[in-house]
N, C-alpha and C. Protein backbone atom coordinates (compact mmCIF):
# COMPACT_ATOMS: atom_id res chain seq x y z
N MET A 1 118.18 89.09 90.54
CA MET A 1 116.81 88.94 91.10
C MET A 1 115.97 90.22 92.12
N SER A 2 115.16 90.42 91.78
CA SER A 2 114.36 91.28 92.32
C SER A 2 113.76 90.96 93.96
N GLN A 3 113.67 91.77 94.78
CA GLN A 3 113.33 91.38 95.89
C GLN A 3 111.83 91.78 95.75
N PRO A 4 111.13 90.71 96.53
CA PRO A 4 109.49 90.78 96.58
C PRO A 4 109.25 92.01 97.46
N SER A 5 107.91 92.83 96.87
CA SER A 5 107.38 93.80 97.30
C SER A 5 106.39 93.73 98.63
N THR A 6 106.68 94.61 99.73
CA THR A 6 105.67 94.44 100.52
C THR A 6 104.44 94.29 100.66
N THR A 7 103.99 95.26 99.43
CA THR A 7 102.74 95.62 99.17
C THR A 7 102.44 94.79 97.97
N ARG A 8 100.91 94.38 97.71
CA ARG A 8 100.47 93.88 96.45
C ARG A 8 100.20 95.35 95.19
N GLU A 9 101.18 95.27 94.08
CA GLU A 9 100.73 95.99 93.18
C GLU A 9 99.66 95.39 92.10
N ARG A 10 98.24 95.83 92.47
CA ARG A 10 97.72 95.68 91.11
C ARG A 10 97.49 96.04 89.94
N SER A 11 96.58 95.57 89.35
CA SER A 11 96.45 96.02 87.72
C SER A 11 96.03 97.49 87.69
N VAL A 12 96.94 98.65 87.06
CA VAL A 12 96.38 99.96 86.72
C VAL A 12 94.67 99.99 86.05
N LEU A 13 94.86 99.33 85.22
CA LEU A 13 93.11 99.14 84.79
C LEU A 13 92.54 98.79 85.46
N VAL A 14 92.24 97.71 86.21
CA VAL A 14 91.26 97.33 87.12
C VAL A 14 91.23 98.51 88.31
N GLY A 15 92.17 99.00 88.29
CA GLY A 15 92.23 100.20 89.22
C GLY A 15 91.18 101.68 88.52
N PHE A 16 91.47 101.71 87.42
CA PHE A 16 90.88 102.59 86.52
C PHE A 16 89.54 102.39 86.48
N LEU A 17 88.78 100.90 86.46
CA LEU A 17 87.94 100.81 86.11
C LEU A 17 86.81 101.06 87.64
N ILE A 18 87.47 100.54 88.46
CA ILE A 18 87.25 100.91 89.56
C ILE A 18 86.96 102.17 89.99
N MET A 19 87.64 103.11 89.86
CA MET A 19 87.60 104.67 89.74
C MET A 19 86.37 105.41 89.17
N LEU A 20 86.39 104.34 87.84
CA LEU A 20 85.54 104.77 86.76
C LEU A 20 84.14 104.88 87.17
N GLY A 21 83.66 103.56 87.87
CA GLY A 21 82.51 102.57 88.46
C GLY A 21 81.94 103.67 89.62
N LEU A 22 82.81 103.98 90.19
CA LEU A 22 82.55 104.26 91.57
C LEU A 22 82.46 105.93 91.22
N SER A 23 82.87 106.62 90.24
CA SER A 23 82.73 108.21 89.95
C SER A 23 81.39 108.12 89.48
N VAL A 24 80.77 107.15 88.54
CA VAL A 24 79.62 106.89 88.07
C VAL A 24 78.61 106.86 89.37
N LEU A 25 78.75 105.80 90.07
CA LEU A 25 78.13 105.75 91.09
C LEU A 25 78.11 106.89 92.26
N LEU A 26 78.89 107.40 92.10
CA LEU A 26 78.76 108.77 93.71
C LEU A 26 78.84 110.02 92.98
N PHE A 27 77.98 109.89 91.52
CA PHE A 27 78.18 111.32 90.84
C PHE A 27 77.63 112.68 91.77
N TRP A 28 76.83 111.92 92.52
CA TRP A 28 75.64 112.78 93.46
C TRP A 28 76.41 113.48 94.71
N LEU A 29 77.07 113.24 94.97
CA LEU A 29 78.26 113.57 96.10
C LEU A 29 79.45 114.24 95.20
N PRO A 30 79.44 115.61 94.86
CA PRO A 30 80.27 116.53 94.24
C PRO A 30 81.62 116.51 95.63
N LEU A 31 82.40 116.56 94.95
CA LEU A 31 83.89 116.60 95.47
C LEU A 31 84.14 115.71 96.26
N ILE A 32 83.49 114.82 97.22
CA ILE A 32 83.61 113.56 98.02
C ILE A 32 83.47 112.55 97.20
N GLY A 33 82.33 112.79 96.36
CA GLY A 33 82.27 110.82 95.51
C GLY A 33 83.51 111.13 95.02
N PRO A 34 84.03 111.65 94.31
CA PRO A 34 85.46 111.49 93.05
C PRO A 34 86.81 111.37 94.26
N PHE A 35 86.69 111.91 95.38
CA PHE A 35 87.50 111.55 96.06
C PHE A 35 87.36 110.27 96.88
N LEU A 36 86.52 109.98 97.00
CA LEU A 36 86.34 108.48 97.72
C LEU A 36 86.87 107.15 96.49
N ALA A 37 86.18 107.90 95.21
CA ALA A 37 86.51 106.86 94.47
C ALA A 37 87.98 106.69 94.02
N GLY A 38 88.32 107.62 94.09
CA GLY A 38 90.04 107.92 93.65
C GLY A 38 90.86 106.78 95.03
N PHE A 39 90.40 107.39 96.33
CA PHE A 39 91.02 106.65 97.31
C PHE A 39 90.77 105.15 97.56
N ILE A 40 89.92 104.92 97.26
CA ILE A 40 89.59 103.31 97.05
C ILE A 40 90.39 102.77 96.01
N GLY A 41 90.12 103.38 94.87
CA GLY A 41 91.26 102.66 93.37
C GLY A 41 92.18 103.19 93.96
N GLY A 42 92.94 104.07 94.37
CA GLY A 42 94.56 104.31 94.80
C GLY A 42 95.06 103.27 95.43
N ARG A 43 94.28 103.00 96.64
CA ARG A 43 94.54 101.72 97.55
C ARG A 43 94.66 100.24 96.88
N TYR A 44 93.34 100.07 96.11
CA TYR A 44 93.40 99.13 95.16
C TYR A 44 95.10 98.87 94.38
N VAL A 45 95.55 99.90 93.77
CA VAL A 45 96.38 100.05 92.51
C VAL A 45 98.10 99.69 93.81
N GLY A 46 97.98 100.24 94.79
CA GLY A 46 99.08 100.15 96.30
C GLY A 46 100.21 100.50 95.95
N SER A 47 99.93 102.13 95.14
CA SER A 47 101.21 103.14 95.16
C SER A 47 100.64 104.49 94.67
N PRO A 48 100.93 105.67 94.95
CA PRO A 48 100.74 106.70 94.56
C PRO A 48 101.00 107.23 93.22
N GLY A 49 101.97 106.54 92.53
CA GLY A 49 102.37 106.77 91.16
C GLY A 49 101.34 105.84 90.21
N ARG A 50 101.24 104.96 90.67
CA ARG A 50 100.06 103.97 90.09
C ARG A 50 98.72 104.44 90.09
N GLY A 51 98.46 105.03 91.27
CA GLY A 51 96.88 105.82 91.29
C GLY A 51 96.95 106.74 90.70
N LEU A 52 97.89 107.99 90.73
CA LEU A 52 97.97 108.92 89.84
C LEU A 52 97.25 108.65 88.38
N VAL A 53 98.08 107.55 87.70
CA VAL A 53 98.11 106.91 86.50
C VAL A 53 96.36 106.52 86.21
N ALA A 54 96.31 105.85 87.20
CA ALA A 54 94.59 105.28 87.34
C ALA A 54 93.44 106.34 87.11
N ALA A 55 94.31 107.61 88.02
CA ALA A 55 93.13 108.64 88.15
C ALA A 55 93.01 109.33 86.98
N ILE A 56 94.13 109.72 86.10
CA ILE A 56 93.53 110.52 85.34
C ILE A 56 93.19 109.77 83.93
N LEU A 57 93.23 108.23 84.03
CA LEU A 57 92.27 107.68 82.72
C LEU A 57 90.66 108.16 82.76
N PRO A 58 90.29 108.02 83.76
CA PRO A 58 88.70 108.35 83.84
C PRO A 58 88.80 109.80 83.67
N THR A 59 89.35 110.86 84.26
CA THR A 59 89.43 112.18 84.00
C THR A 59 89.27 112.35 82.68
N LEU A 60 90.27 111.80 81.73
CA LEU A 60 90.55 111.88 80.34
C LEU A 60 89.44 111.28 79.74
N VAL A 61 88.60 110.20 80.00
CA VAL A 61 87.55 109.37 79.45
C VAL A 61 86.09 110.62 79.63
N VAL A 62 86.22 111.23 80.74
CA VAL A 62 85.01 112.18 81.03
C VAL A 62 85.14 113.43 80.23
N ALA A 63 86.74 113.66 79.93
CA ALA A 63 86.95 114.95 79.24
C ALA A 63 86.28 114.82 77.86
N ILE A 64 87.02 113.47 77.31
CA ILE A 64 86.62 113.43 75.78
C ILE A 64 85.15 113.10 75.55
N ILE A 65 84.23 112.36 76.44
CA ILE A 65 82.98 112.30 76.10
C ILE A 65 82.30 113.78 76.18
N VAL A 66 82.72 114.52 76.82
CA VAL A 66 82.35 116.08 76.78
C VAL A 66 82.65 116.81 75.70
N ALA A 67 83.93 116.48 75.42
CA ALA A 67 84.50 117.20 74.09
C ALA A 67 83.65 116.76 73.25
N ILE A 68 83.37 115.24 72.89
CA ILE A 68 82.85 114.44 71.86
C ILE A 68 81.12 115.15 71.32
N THR A 69 80.61 115.02 72.67
CA THR A 69 79.23 115.52 72.47
C THR A 69 78.88 117.05 72.19
N GLY A 70 79.79 118.03 72.62
CA GLY A 70 80.40 119.07 72.16
C GLY A 70 80.36 119.72 70.67
N VAL A 71 81.17 118.76 70.15
CA VAL A 71 81.71 119.04 68.72
C VAL A 71 80.69 118.09 67.83
N LEU A 72 79.93 117.07 68.35
CA LEU A 72 78.91 116.59 67.30
C LEU A 72 77.51 117.45 67.10
N THR A 73 77.24 118.35 68.31
CA THR A 73 76.25 119.14 67.94
C THR A 73 76.07 120.16 66.86
N LEU A 74 77.09 120.34 66.54
CA LEU A 74 77.40 121.57 65.72
C LEU A 74 76.38 122.88 66.23
N LEU A 75 76.32 123.03 67.05
CA LEU A 75 75.80 124.49 67.63
C LEU A 75 76.85 125.15 68.33
N PRO A 76 77.22 126.30 67.82
CA PRO A 76 78.16 127.13 68.90
C PRO A 76 77.71 127.61 70.41
N GLY A 77 77.08 127.50 70.14
CA GLY A 77 76.36 127.53 71.85
C GLY A 77 76.29 126.61 72.57
N VAL A 78 76.13 125.34 72.27
CA VAL A 78 76.28 124.22 72.93
C VAL A 78 77.49 123.62 73.20
N GLY A 79 78.43 123.98 71.95
CA GLY A 79 79.92 123.56 72.14
C GLY A 79 80.60 124.66 73.05
N LEU A 80 80.20 125.98 73.20
CA LEU A 80 80.59 126.75 74.42
C LEU A 80 80.51 126.27 75.81
N LEU A 81 79.23 125.71 75.76
CA LEU A 81 78.86 124.85 76.90
C LEU A 81 79.27 123.81 77.43
N ALA A 82 79.46 123.02 76.14
CA ALA A 82 80.70 121.84 76.28
C ALA A 82 81.81 122.14 76.78
N SER A 83 82.46 123.25 76.09
CA SER A 83 84.08 123.53 76.55
C SER A 83 84.00 123.92 78.42
N GLU A 84 83.15 125.03 78.58
CA GLU A 84 82.82 125.00 80.08
C GLU A 84 82.58 124.10 80.64
N SER A 85 81.82 123.37 80.51
CA SER A 85 81.43 121.94 81.40
C SER A 85 82.96 121.08 81.43
N LEU A 86 83.68 120.94 80.17
CA LEU A 86 84.89 120.19 80.58
C LEU A 86 85.96 121.07 81.40
N VAL A 87 86.15 121.97 81.30
CA VAL A 87 86.62 122.65 82.54
C VAL A 87 86.16 122.56 84.03
N LEU A 88 85.21 122.96 84.16
CA LEU A 88 84.36 122.12 85.60
C LEU A 88 84.53 120.89 85.72
N THR A 89 84.55 120.07 84.94
CA THR A 89 84.77 118.76 85.10
C THR A 89 85.91 118.37 85.55
N ALA A 90 86.76 118.84 84.94
CA ALA A 90 88.15 118.62 85.49
C ALA A 90 88.15 119.16 86.96
N ILE A 91 88.23 120.22 87.30
CA ILE A 91 87.86 120.66 88.67
C ILE A 91 87.35 120.11 89.45
N ILE A 92 85.94 119.62 89.32
CA ILE A 92 84.95 119.38 90.12
C ILE A 92 85.41 117.44 90.34
N GLN A 93 85.51 116.89 89.20
CA GLN A 93 85.59 115.40 89.10
C GLN A 93 87.15 115.08 89.07
N GLY A 94 87.93 115.90 88.46
CA GLY A 94 89.37 115.12 88.20
C GLY A 94 90.26 115.47 89.46
N ALA A 95 90.23 116.91 90.01
CA ALA A 95 91.08 117.35 91.19
C ALA A 95 91.11 116.16 91.99
N PRO A 96 89.82 115.93 92.74
CA PRO A 96 89.58 115.40 93.96
C PRO A 96 89.84 113.82 93.59
N LEU A 97 89.44 113.19 92.50
CA LEU A 97 89.74 111.91 91.93
C LEU A 97 91.23 111.70 91.95
N ILE A 98 92.23 112.63 91.72
CA ILE A 98 93.46 112.46 91.56
C ILE A 98 94.12 112.46 92.97
N LEU A 99 93.54 113.42 93.85
CA LEU A 99 94.08 113.45 95.09
C LEU A 99 93.88 112.60 95.92
N GLY A 100 92.56 111.73 96.23
CA GLY A 100 92.24 110.74 96.36
C GLY A 100 92.93 109.34 96.14
N ALA A 101 93.44 109.43 94.85
CA ALA A 101 93.98 107.95 94.56
C ALA A 101 95.26 108.14 94.77
N VAL A 102 96.12 109.40 94.98
CA VAL A 102 97.18 109.58 95.59
C VAL A 102 97.40 109.55 96.72
N ILE A 103 96.41 109.66 97.68
CA ILE A 103 96.58 109.80 99.25
C ILE A 103 96.15 108.14 99.20
N GLY A 104 95.15 107.63 98.55
CA GLY A 104 94.79 105.93 98.66
C GLY A 104 95.92 105.18 98.42
N GLY A 105 96.97 105.48 97.56
CA GLY A 105 98.30 104.45 97.06
C GLY A 105 99.34 104.75 98.09
N ALA A 106 99.28 106.14 98.96
CA ALA A 106 100.26 106.63 99.60
C ALA A 106 100.04 105.56 101.03
N VAL A 107 98.64 105.44 101.11
CA VAL A 107 98.19 104.41 102.36
C VAL A 107 98.36 103.18 102.63
N ALA A 108 98.34 102.79 101.21
CA ALA A 108 98.40 101.49 100.51
C ALA A 108 100.12 100.77 100.53
N HIS A 109 100.46 101.92 100.54
CA HIS A 109 102.18 101.95 99.93
C HIS A 109 102.43 101.96 101.86
């Protein structure tokens, strides 16, 4: 028989959707917007590990959308810009989101 947890661990999928939605709403706040989205989503899921998983998913979704956009244009210059945008997206959007999710999960834990 397992011991009951003192914190409520909620769905990683719902945490992912919270982070994705807040990231879209707070896009105009570079670095702070994604950090807040990650922090709130990390607190929602309840642990740093689950927060990390939930934060990696929106980062991958945005990266895939940017990559597909670059491939569908079939223009080398646009593809180059899309690949540079992918790196910038990972740095500006992904890193603060993941950091916020881990900190939010640790605070909730």
